[in-house]
């Protein structure tokens, strides 16, 4: 059980993502970095085809909101195919 002044939240998540080739990964990474609670974003291209790219996206932070991450992905016509790893930890409240 979290102590007073703490809550439990996502501190790291790795996603398998599919995006159109015309979307630049640096633009997607910068947009994801603006999500509240996100400290870092790491994107690796794992597969390329004529119209799409498959990415491994790892997001770290304090209380990462998967809903907000998905909203950003949708704005960039990018879909989350699966959640491949997730880390949860105690987050101190400000």
PDB file of N, CA and C in Angstrom:
ATOM      1  N   UNK A   1       0.835  -1.176   0.000  1.00  0.00           N
ATOM      2  CA  UNK A   1       0.000   0.000   0.000  1.00  0.00           C
ATOM      3  C   UNK A   1       0.887   1.248   0.000  1.00  0.00           C
ATOM      4  N   UNK A   2       0.530   2.221  -0.848  1.00  0.00           N
ATOM      5  CA  UNK A   2       1.298   3.457  -0.922  1.00  0.00           C
ATOM      6  C   UNK A   2       1.145   4.255   0.362  1.00  0.00           C
ATOM      7  N   UNK A   3       2.224   4.910   0.769  1.00  0.00           N
ATOM      8  CA  UNK A   3       2.208   5.734   1.971  1.00  0.00           C
ATOM      9  C   UNK A   3       1.594   7.092   1.655  1.00  0.00           C
ATOM     10  N   UNK A   4       1.266   7.847   2.708  1.00  0.00           N
ATOM     11  CA  UNK A   4       0.694   9.172   2.509  1.00  0.00           C
ATOM     12  C   UNK A   4       1.661  10.022   1.682  1.00  0.00           C
ATOM     13  N   UNK A   5       1.123  10.755   0.712  1.00  0.00           N
ATOM     14  CA  UNK A   5       1.959  11.571  -0.156  1.00  0.00           C
ATOM     15  C   UNK A   5       2.538  10.799  -1.326  1.00  0.00           C
ATOM     16  N   UNK A   6       2.154   9.528  -1.457  1.00  0.00           N
ATOM     17  CA  UNK A   6       2.624   8.697  -2.567  1.00  0.00           C
ATOM     18  C   UNK A   6       1.423   8.057  -3.253  1.00  0.00           C
ATOM     19  N   UNK A   7       1.608   7.727  -4.495  1.00  0.00           N
ATOM     20  CA  UNK A   7       0.635   6.913  -5.213  1.00  0.00           C
ATOM     21  C   UNK A   7       1.412   5.954  -6.099  1.00  0.00           C
ATOM     22  N   UNK A   8       0.741   4.947  -6.580  1.00  0.00           N
ATOM     23  CA  UNK A   8       1.361   3.976  -7.475  1.00  0.00           C
ATOM     24  C   UNK A   8       0.998   4.361  -8.903  1.00  0.00           C
ATOM     25  N   UNK A   9       1.999   4.357  -9.781  1.00  0.00           N
ATOM     26  CA  UNK A   9       1.750   4.714 -11.174  1.00  0.00           C
ATOM     27  C   UNK A   9       2.762   4.073 -12.099  1.00  0.00           C
ATOM     28  N   UNK A  10       2.519   4.225 -13.382  1.00  0.00           N
ATOM     29  CA  UNK A  10       3.418   3.677 -14.402  1.00  0.00           C
ATOM     30  C   UNK A  10       4.664   4.547 -14.477  1.00  0.00           C
ATOM     31  N   UNK A  11       5.832   3.907 -14.334  1.00  0.00           N
ATOM     32  CA  UNK A  11       7.098   4.632 -14.417  1.00  0.00           C
ATOM     33  C   UNK A  11       7.862   4.317 -15.710  1.00  0.00           C
ATOM     34  N   UNK A  12       7.444   3.246 -16.396  1.00  0.00           N
ATOM     35  CA  UNK A  12       8.087   2.888 -17.662  1.00  0.00           C
ATOM     36  C   UNK A  12       7.154   1.962 -18.423  1.00  0.00           C
ATOM     37  N   UNK A  13       7.047   2.190 -19.737  1.00  0.00           N
ATOM     38  CA  UNK A  13       6.221   1.327 -20.580  1.00  0.00           C
ATOM     39  C   UNK A  13       6.904   1.192 -21.940  1.00  0.00           C
ATOM     40  N   UNK A  14       6.873  -0.018 -22.483  1.00  0.00           N
ATOM     41  CA  UNK A  14       7.413  -0.279 -23.822  1.00  0.00           C
ATOM     42  C   UNK A  14       6.261  -0.711 -24.717  1.00  0.00           C
ATOM     43  N   UNK A  15       6.127  -0.017 -25.841  1.00  0.00           N
ATOM     44  CA  UNK A  15       5.014  -0.238 -26.753  1.00  0.00           C
ATOM     45  C   UNK A  15       5.512  -0.694 -28.120  1.00  0.00           C
ATOM     46  N   UNK A  16       4.735  -1.556 -28.757  1.00  0.00           N
ATOM     47  CA  UNK A  16       4.942  -1.943 -30.153  1.00  0.00           C
ATOM     48  C   UNK A  16       3.972  -1.078 -30.948  1.00  0.00           C
ATOM     49  N   UNK A  17       4.507  -0.240 -31.841  1.00  0.00           N
ATOM     50  CA  UNK A  17       3.722   0.809 -32.491  1.00  0.00           C
ATOM     51  C   UNK A  17       3.878   0.723 -34.004  1.00  0.00           C
ATOM     52  N   UNK A  18       2.797   1.052 -34.722  1.00  0.00           N
ATOM     53  CA  UNK A  18       2.817   1.111 -36.184  1.00  0.00           C
ATOM     54  C   UNK A  18       2.470   2.536 -36.593  1.00  0.00           C
ATOM     55  N   UNK A  19       3.342   3.137 -37.439  1.00  0.00           N
ATOM     56  CA  UNK A  19       3.103   4.516 -37.880  1.00  0.00           C
ATOM     57  C   UNK A  19       3.305   4.645 -39.383  1.00  0.00           C
ATOM     58  N   UNK A  20       2.664   5.645 -39.986  1.00  0.00           N
ATOM     59  CA  UNK A  20       2.906   5.908 -41.410  1.00  0.00           C
ATOM     60  C   UNK A  20       4.347   6.386 -41.608  1.00  0.00           C
ATOM     61  N   UNK A  21       4.942   6.051 -42.752  1.00  0.00           N
ATOM     62  CA  UNK A  21       6.338   6.446 -43.007  1.00  0.00           C
ATOM     63  C   UNK A  21       6.526   7.949 -43.025  1.00  0.00           C
ATOM     64  N   UNK A  22       5.495   8.692 -43.435  1.00  0.00           N
ATOM     65  CA  UNK A  22       5.655  10.150 -43.541  1.00  0.00           C
ATOM     66  C   UNK A  22       5.720  10.855 -42.183  1.00  0.00           C
ATOM     67  N   UNK A  23       5.335  10.188 -41.119  1.00  0.00           N
ATOM     68  CA  UNK A  23       5.453  10.767 -39.775  1.00  0.00           C
ATOM     69  C   UNK A  23       6.893  10.581 -39.302  1.00  0.00           C
ATOM     70  N   UNK A  24       7.543  11.684 -38.940  1.00  0.00           N
ATOM     71  CA  UNK A  24       8.937  11.619 -38.502  1.00  0.00           C
ATOM     72  C   UNK A  24       9.000  11.179 -37.041  1.00  0.00           C
ATOM     73  N   UNK A  25       9.922  10.238 -36.739  1.00  0.00           N
ATOM     74  CA  UNK A  25       9.994   9.731 -35.364  1.00  0.00           C
ATOM     75  C   UNK A  25      10.408  10.824 -34.380  1.00  0.00           C
ATOM     76  N   UNK A  26      11.210  11.788 -34.814  1.00  0.00           N
ATOM     77  CA  UNK A  26      11.605  12.844 -33.892  1.00  0.00           C
ATOM     78  C   UNK A  26      10.405  13.725 -33.514  1.00  0.00           C
ATOM     79  N   UNK A  27       9.479  13.951 -34.455  1.00  0.00           N
ATOM     80  CA  UNK A  27       8.272  14.716 -34.143  1.00  0.00           C
ATOM     81  C   UNK A  27       7.396  13.947 -33.148  1.00  0.00           C
ATOM     82  N   UNK A  28       7.249  12.649 -33.365  1.00  0.00           N
ATOM     83  CA  UNK A  28       6.472  11.814 -32.462  1.00  0.00           C
ATOM     84  C   UNK A  28       7.114  11.789 -31.074  1.00  0.00           C
ATOM     85  N   UNK A  29       8.433  11.629 -31.019  1.00  0.00           N
ATOM     86  CA  UNK A  29       9.141  11.585 -29.735  1.00  0.00           C
ATOM     87  C   UNK A  29       8.983  12.896 -28.970  1.00  0.00           C
ATOM     88  N   UNK A  30       9.120  14.021 -29.652  1.00  0.00           N
ATOM     89  CA  UNK A  30       8.967  15.321 -28.999  1.00  0.00           C
ATOM     90  C   UNK A  30       7.543  15.509 -28.470  1.00  0.00           C
ATOM     91  N   UNK A  31       6.551  15.091 -29.246  1.00  0.00           N
ATOM     92  CA  UNK A  31       5.154  15.208 -28.808  1.00  0.00           C
ATOM     93  C   UNK A  31       4.897  14.324 -27.587  1.00  0.00           C
ATOM     94  N   UNK A  32       5.421  13.113 -27.590  1.00  0.00           N
ATOM     95  CA  UNK A  32       5.256  12.226 -26.438  1.00  0.00           C
ATOM     96  C   UNK A  32       5.973  12.781 -25.212  1.00  0.00           C
ATOM     97  N   UNK A  33       7.100  13.443 -25.429  1.00  0.00           N
ATOM     98  CA  UNK A  33       7.842  14.045 -24.334  1.00  0.00           C
ATOM     99  C   UNK A  33       7.093  15.175 -23.644  1.00  0.00           C
ATOM    100  N   UNK A  34       6.087  15.732 -24.309  1.00  0.00           N
ATOM    101  CA  UNK A  34       5.272  16.806 -23.737  1.00  0.00           C
ATOM    102  C   UNK A  34       4.162  16.281 -22.830  1.00  0.00           C
ATOM    103  N   UNK A  35       3.915  14.967 -22.843  1.00  0.00           N
ATOM    104  CA  UNK A  35       2.868  14.389 -22.002  1.00  0.00           C
ATOM    105  C   UNK A  35       3.267  14.556 -20.541  1.00  0.00           C
ATOM    106  N   UNK A  36       2.320  14.986 -19.721  1.00  0.00           N
ATOM    107  CA  UNK A  36       2.596  15.197 -18.303  1.00  0.00           C
ATOM    108  C   UNK A  36       3.123  13.919 -17.660  1.00  0.00           C
ATOM    109  N   UNK A  37       4.193  14.056 -16.881  1.00  0.00           N
ATOM    110  CA  UNK A  37       4.779  12.918 -16.182  1.00  0.00           C
ATOM    111  C   UNK A  37       5.867  12.198 -16.957  1.00  0.00           C
ATOM    112  N   UNK A  38       6.019  12.478 -18.251  1.00  0.00           N
ATOM    113  CA  UNK A  38       7.030  11.806 -19.069  1.00  0.00           C
ATOM    114  C   UNK A  38       8.375  12.499 -18.884  1.00  0.00           C
ATOM    115  N   UNK A  39       9.400  11.703 -18.549  1.00  0.00           N
ATOM    116  CA  UNK A  39      10.762  12.215 -18.407  1.00  0.00           C
ATOM    117  C   UNK A  39      11.611  11.931 -19.636  1.00  0.00           C
ATOM    118  N   UNK A  40      11.389  10.766 -20.277  1.00  0.00           N
ATOM    119  CA  UNK A  40      12.184  10.429 -21.457  1.00  0.00           C
ATOM    120  C   UNK A  40      11.399   9.527 -22.390  1.00  0.00           C
ATOM    121  N   UNK A  41      11.756   9.625 -23.677  1.00  0.00           N
ATOM    122  CA  UNK A  41      11.138   8.816 -24.729  1.00  0.00           C
ATOM    123  C   UNK A  41      12.256   8.246 -25.583  1.00  0.00           C
ATOM    124  N   UNK A  42      12.221   6.943 -25.814  1.00  0.00           N
ATOM    125  CA  UNK A  42      13.202   6.271 -26.666  1.00  0.00           C
ATOM    126  C   UNK A  42      12.436   5.536 -27.756  1.00  0.00           C
ATOM    127  N   UNK A  43      12.750   5.838 -29.029  1.00  0.00           N
ATOM    128  CA  UNK A  43      12.068   5.191 -30.151  1.00  0.00           C
ATOM    129  C   UNK A  43      13.105   4.507 -31.031  1.00  0.00           C
ATOM    130  N   UNK A  44      12.853   3.234 -31.338  1.00  0.00           N
ATOM    131  CA  UNK A  44      13.699   2.461 -32.240  1.00  0.00           C
ATOM    132  C   UNK A  44      12.832   1.908 -33.367  1.00  0.00           C
ATOM    133  N   UNK A  45      13.271   2.121 -34.609  1.00  0.00           N
ATOM    134  CA  UNK A  45      12.569   1.540 -35.759  1.00  0.00           C
ATOM    135  C   UNK A  45      12.994   0.074 -35.858  1.00  0.00           C
ATOM    136  N   UNK A  46      12.013  -0.828 -35.858  1.00  0.00           N
ATOM    137  CA  UNK A  46      12.326  -2.254 -35.903  1.00  0.00           C
ATOM    138  C   UNK A  46      11.993  -2.893 -37.245  1.00  0.00           C
ATOM    139  N   UNK A  47      11.144  -2.232 -38.036  1.00  0.00           N
ATOM    140  CA  UNK A  47      10.761  -2.786 -39.337  1.00  0.00           C
ATOM    141  C   UNK A  47      10.242  -1.658 -40.222  1.00  0.00           C
ATOM    142  N   UNK A  48      10.574  -1.729 -41.513  1.00  0.00           N
ATOM    143  CA  UNK A  48      10.137  -0.718 -42.473  1.00  0.00           C
ATOM    144  C   UNK A  48       9.490  -1.429 -43.645  1.00  0.00           C
ATOM    145  N   UNK A  49       8.342  -0.905 -44.082  1.00  0.00           N
ATOM    146  CA  UNK A  49       7.759  -1.416 -45.318  1.00  0.00           C
ATOM    147  C   UNK A  49       7.389  -0.221 -46.193  1.00  0.00           C
ATOM    148  N   UNK A  50       6.738  -0.428 -47.290  1.00  0.00           N
ATOM    149  CA  UNK A  50       6.511   0.642 -48.267  1.00  0.00           C
ATOM    150  C   UNK A  50       5.762   1.834 -47.681  1.00  0.00           C
ATOM    151  N   UNK A  51       4.792   1.583 -46.789  1.00  0.00           N
ATOM    152  CA  UNK A  51       3.973   2.678 -46.279  1.00  0.00           C
ATOM    153  C   UNK A  51       4.028   2.873 -44.765  1.00  0.00           C
ATOM    154  N   UNK A  52       4.581   1.900 -44.036  1.00  0.00           N
ATOM    155  CA  UNK A  52       4.571   1.994 -42.579  1.00  0.00           C
ATOM    156  C   UNK A  52       5.924   1.639 -41.975  1.00  0.00           C
ATOM    157  N   UNK A  53       6.088   1.984 -40.713  1.00  0.00           N
ATOM    158  CA  UNK A  53       7.247   1.590 -39.920  1.00  0.00           C
ATOM    159  C   UNK A  53       6.741   1.027 -38.599  1.00  0.00           C
ATOM    160  N   UNK A  54       7.382  -0.031 -38.137  1.00  0.00           N
ATOM    161  CA  UNK A  54       7.097  -0.589 -36.822  1.00  0.00           C
ATOM    162  C   UNK A  54       8.148  -0.047 -35.857  1.00  0.00           C
ATOM    163  N   UNK A  55       7.697   0.396 -34.692  1.00  0.00           N
ATOM    164  CA  UNK A  55       8.574   1.027 -33.722  1.00  0.00           C
ATOM    165  C   UNK A  55       8.477   0.333 -32.375  1.00  0.00           C
ATOM    166  N   UNK A  56       9.563   0.371 -31.614  1.00  0.00           N
ATOM    167  CA  UNK A  56       9.564   0.057 -30.187  1.00  0.00           C
ATOM    168  C   UNK A  56       9.685   1.405 -29.498  1.00  0.00           C
ATOM    169  N   UNK A  57       8.685   1.762 -28.715  1.00  0.00           N
ATOM    170  CA  UNK A  57       8.663   3.047 -28.032  1.00  0.00           C
ATOM    171  C   UNK A  57       8.711   2.780 -26.533  1.00  0.00           C
ATOM    172  N   UNK A  58       9.739   3.310 -25.867  1.00  0.00           N
ATOM    173  CA  UNK A  58       9.863   3.174 -24.421  1.00  0.00           C
ATOM    174  C   UNK A  58       9.731   4.559 -23.812  1.00  0.00           C
ATOM    175  N   UNK A  59       8.779   4.681 -22.896  1.00  0.00           N
ATOM    176  CA  UNK A  59       8.488   5.950 -22.240  1.00  0.00           C
ATOM    177  C   UNK A  59       8.722   5.769 -20.743  1.00  0.00           C
ATOM    178  N   UNK A  60       9.498   6.674 -20.161  1.00  0.00           N
ATOM    179  CA  UNK A  60       9.785   6.622 -18.724  1.00  0.00           C
ATOM    180  C   UNK A  60       9.346   7.928 -18.087  1.00  0.00           C
ATOM    181  N   UNK A  61       8.921   7.839 -16.828  1.00  0.00           N
ATOM    182  CA  UNK A  61       8.524   9.051 -16.129  1.00  0.00           C
ATOM    183  C   UNK A  61       7.900   8.749 -14.789  1.00  0.00           C
ATOM    184  N   UNK A  62       7.121   9.700 -14.319  1.00  0.00           N
ATOM    185  CA  UNK A  62       6.457   9.602 -13.018  1.00  0.00           C
ATOM    186  C   UNK A  62       4.955   9.645 -13.247  1.00  0.00           C
ATOM    187  N   UNK A  63       4.315   8.505 -13.260  1.00  0.00           N
ATOM    188  CA  UNK A  63       2.873   8.468 -13.452  1.00  0.00           C
ATOM    189  C   UNK A  63       2.469   8.699 -14.888  1.00  0.00           C
ATOM    190  N   UNK A  64       3.058   7.953 -15.808  1.00  0.00           N
ATOM    191  CA  UNK A  64       2.779   8.078 -17.237  1.00  0.00           C
ATOM    192  C   UNK A  64       1.336   7.644 -17.494  1.00  0.00           C
ATOM    193  N   UNK A  65       0.571   8.497 -18.173  1.00  0.00           N
ATOM    194  CA  UNK A  65      -0.816   8.193 -18.516  1.00  0.00           C
ATOM    195  C   UNK A  65      -0.866   7.533 -19.893  1.00  0.00           C
ATOM    196  N   UNK A  66      -1.252   6.251 -19.917  1.00  0.00           N
ATOM    197  CA  UNK A  66      -1.369   5.561 -21.201  1.00  0.00           C
ATOM    198  C   UNK A  66      -2.448   6.192 -22.072  1.00  0.00           C
ATOM    199  N   UNK A  67      -3.484   6.729 -21.448  1.00  0.00           N
ATOM    200  CA  UNK A  67      -4.548   7.390 -22.205  1.00  0.00           C
ATOM    201  C   UNK A  67      -4.010   8.619 -22.936  1.00  0.00           C
ATOM    202  N   UNK A  68      -3.209   9.427 -22.242  1.00  0.00           N
ATOM    203  CA  UNK A  68      -2.615  10.611 -22.875  1.00  0.00           C
ATOM    204  C   UNK A  68      -1.621  10.214 -23.962  1.00  0.00           C
ATOM    205  N   UNK A  69      -0.844   9.166 -23.709  1.00  0.00           N
ATOM    206  CA  UNK A  69       0.094   8.671 -24.723  1.00  0.00           C
ATOM    207  C   UNK A  69      -0.675   8.237 -25.965  1.00  0.00           C
ATOM    208  N   UNK A  70      -1.756   7.496 -25.778  1.00  0.00           N
ATOM    209  CA  UNK A  70      -2.563   7.041 -26.914  1.00  0.00           C
ATOM    210  C   UNK A  70      -3.170   8.217 -27.675  1.00  0.00           C
ATOM    211  N   UNK A  71      -3.600   9.270 -26.956  1.00  0.00           N
ATOM    212  CA  UNK A  71      -4.138  10.463 -27.620  1.00  0.00           C
ATOM    213  C   UNK A  71      -3.103  11.113 -28.523  1.00  0.00           C
ATOM    214  N   UNK A  72      -1.853  11.211 -28.050  1.00  0.00           N
ATOM    215  CA  UNK A  72      -0.777  11.779 -28.870  1.00  0.00           C
ATOM    216  C   UNK A  72      -0.527  10.887 -30.082  1.00  0.00           C
ATOM    217  N   UNK A  73      -0.472   9.583 -29.862  1.00  0.00           N
ATOM    218  CA  UNK A  73      -0.254   8.654 -30.979  1.00  0.00           C
ATOM    219  C   UNK A  73      -1.336   8.833 -32.042  1.00  0.00           C
ATOM    220  N   UNK A  74      -2.586   8.962 -31.610  1.00  0.00           N
ATOM    221  CA  UNK A  74      -3.688   9.132 -32.555  1.00  0.00           C
ATOM    222  C   UNK A  74      -3.532  10.398 -33.389  1.00  0.00           C
ATOM    223  N   UNK A  75      -3.044  11.485 -32.768  1.00  0.00           N
ATOM    224  CA  UNK A  75      -2.828  12.737 -33.498  1.00  0.00           C
ATOM    225  C   UNK A  75      -1.803  12.568 -34.613  1.00  0.00           C
ATOM    226  N   UNK A  76      -0.896  11.604 -34.442  1.00  0.00           N
ATOM    227  CA  UNK A  76       0.139  11.342 -35.441  1.00  0.00           C
ATOM    228  C   UNK A  76      -0.189  10.120 -36.302  1.00  0.00           C
ATOM    229  N   UNK A  77      -1.465   9.733 -36.335  1.00  0.00           N
ATOM    230  CA  UNK A  77      -1.937   8.587 -37.135  1.00  0.00           C
ATOM    231  C   UNK A  77      -1.152   7.312 -36.825  1.00  0.00           C
ATOM    232  N   UNK A  78      -0.791   7.159 -35.575  1.00  0.00           N
ATOM    233  CA  UNK A  78       0.037   6.050 -35.110  1.00  0.00           C
ATOM    234  C   UNK A  78      -0.786   5.190 -34.157  1.00  0.00           C
ATOM    235  N   UNK A  79      -0.663   3.865 -34.282  1.00  0.00           N
ATOM    236  CA  UNK A  79      -1.447   2.983 -33.415  1.00  0.00           C
ATOM    237  C   UNK A  79      -0.544   2.132 -32.529  1.00  0.00           C
ATOM    238  N   UNK A  80      -1.036   1.881 -31.325  1.00  0.00           N
ATOM    239  CA  UNK A  80      -0.340   0.990 -30.398  1.00  0.00           C
ATOM    240  C   UNK A  80      -0.825  -0.423 -30.706  1.00  0.00           C
ATOM    241  N   UNK A  81       0.095  -1.281 -31.142  1.00  0.00           N
ATOM    242  CA  UNK A  81      -0.276  -2.670 -31.439  1.00  0.00           C
ATOM    243  C   UNK A  81      -0.275  -3.517 -30.183  1.00  0.00           C
ATOM    244  N   UNK A  82       0.655  -3.254 -29.277  1.00  0.00           N
ATOM    245  CA  UNK A  82       0.685  -4.011 -28.021  1.00  0.00           C
ATOM    246  C   UNK A  82       1.519  -3.272 -26.990  1.00  0.00           C
ATOM    247  N   UNK A  83       1.255  -3.595 -25.725  1.00  0.00           N
ATOM    248  CA  UNK A  83       2.093  -3.145 -24.621  1.00  0.00           C
ATOM    249  C   UNK A  83       3.015  -4.321 -24.320  1.00  0.00           C
ATOM    250  N   UNK A  84       4.310  -4.144 -24.578  1.00  0.00           N
ATOM    251  CA  UNK A  84       5.271  -5.241 -24.442  1.00  0.00           C
ATOM    252  C   UNK A  84       5.901  -5.334 -23.061  1.00  0.00           C
ATOM    253  N   UNK A  85       5.925  -4.237 -22.312  1.00  0.00           N
ATOM    254  CA  UNK A  85       6.494  -4.250 -20.958  1.00  0.00           C
ATOM    255  C   UNK A  85       5.942  -3.044 -20.213  1.00  0.00           C
ATOM    256  N   UNK A  86       5.779  -3.204 -18.907  1.00  0.00           N
ATOM    257  CA  UNK A  86       5.337  -2.100 -18.083  1.00  0.00           C
ATOM    258  C   UNK A  86       5.987  -2.203 -16.708  1.00  0.00           C
ATOM    259  N   UNK A  87       6.412  -1.062 -16.187  1.00  0.00           N
ATOM    260  CA  UNK A  87       6.973  -0.992 -14.840  1.00  0.00           C
ATOM    261  C   UNK A  87       6.120  -0.011 -14.046  1.00  0.00           C
ATOM    262  N   UNK A  88       5.762  -0.427 -12.842  1.00  0.00           N
ATOM    263  CA  UNK A  88       4.947   0.398 -11.958  1.00  0.00           C
ATOM    264  C   UNK A  88       5.731   0.642 -10.685  1.00  0.00           C
ATOM    265  N   UNK A  89       5.634   1.838 -10.147  1.00  0.00           N
ATOM    266  CA  UNK A  89       6.332   2.138  -8.897  1.00  0.00           C
ATOM    267  C   UNK A  89       5.615   3.210  -8.109  1.00  0.00           C
ATOM    268  N   UNK A  90       6.129   3.472  -6.939  1.00  0.00           N
ATOM    269  CA  UNK A  90       5.562   4.518  -6.072  1.00  0.00           C
ATOM    270  C   UNK A  90       6.041   5.873  -6.567  1.00  0.00           C
ATOM    271  N   UNK A  91       5.114   6.809  -6.602  1.00  0.00           N
ATOM    272  CA  UNK A  91       5.387   8.150  -7.098  1.00  0.00           C
ATOM    273  C   UNK A  91       5.070   9.126  -5.989  1.00  0.00           C
ATOM    274  N   UNK A  92       6.040   9.952  -5.612  1.00  0.00           N
ATOM    275  CA  UNK A  92       5.796  10.962  -4.568  1.00  0.00           C
ATOM    276  C   UNK A  92       4.999  12.102  -5.142  1.00  0.00           C
ATOM    277  N   UNK A  93       4.014  12.543  -4.388  1.00  0.00           N
ATOM    278  CA  UNK A  93       3.203  13.680  -4.770  1.00  0.00           C
ATOM    279  C   UNK A  93       3.937  14.967  -4.407  1.00  0.00           C
ATOM    280  N   UNK A  94       3.790  15.972  -5.241  1.00  0.00           N
ATOM    281  CA  UNK A  94       4.454  17.259  -4.986  1.00  0.00           C
ATOM    282  C   UNK A  94       3.764  18.015  -3.880  1.00  0.00           C
TER     283      UNK A  94
END
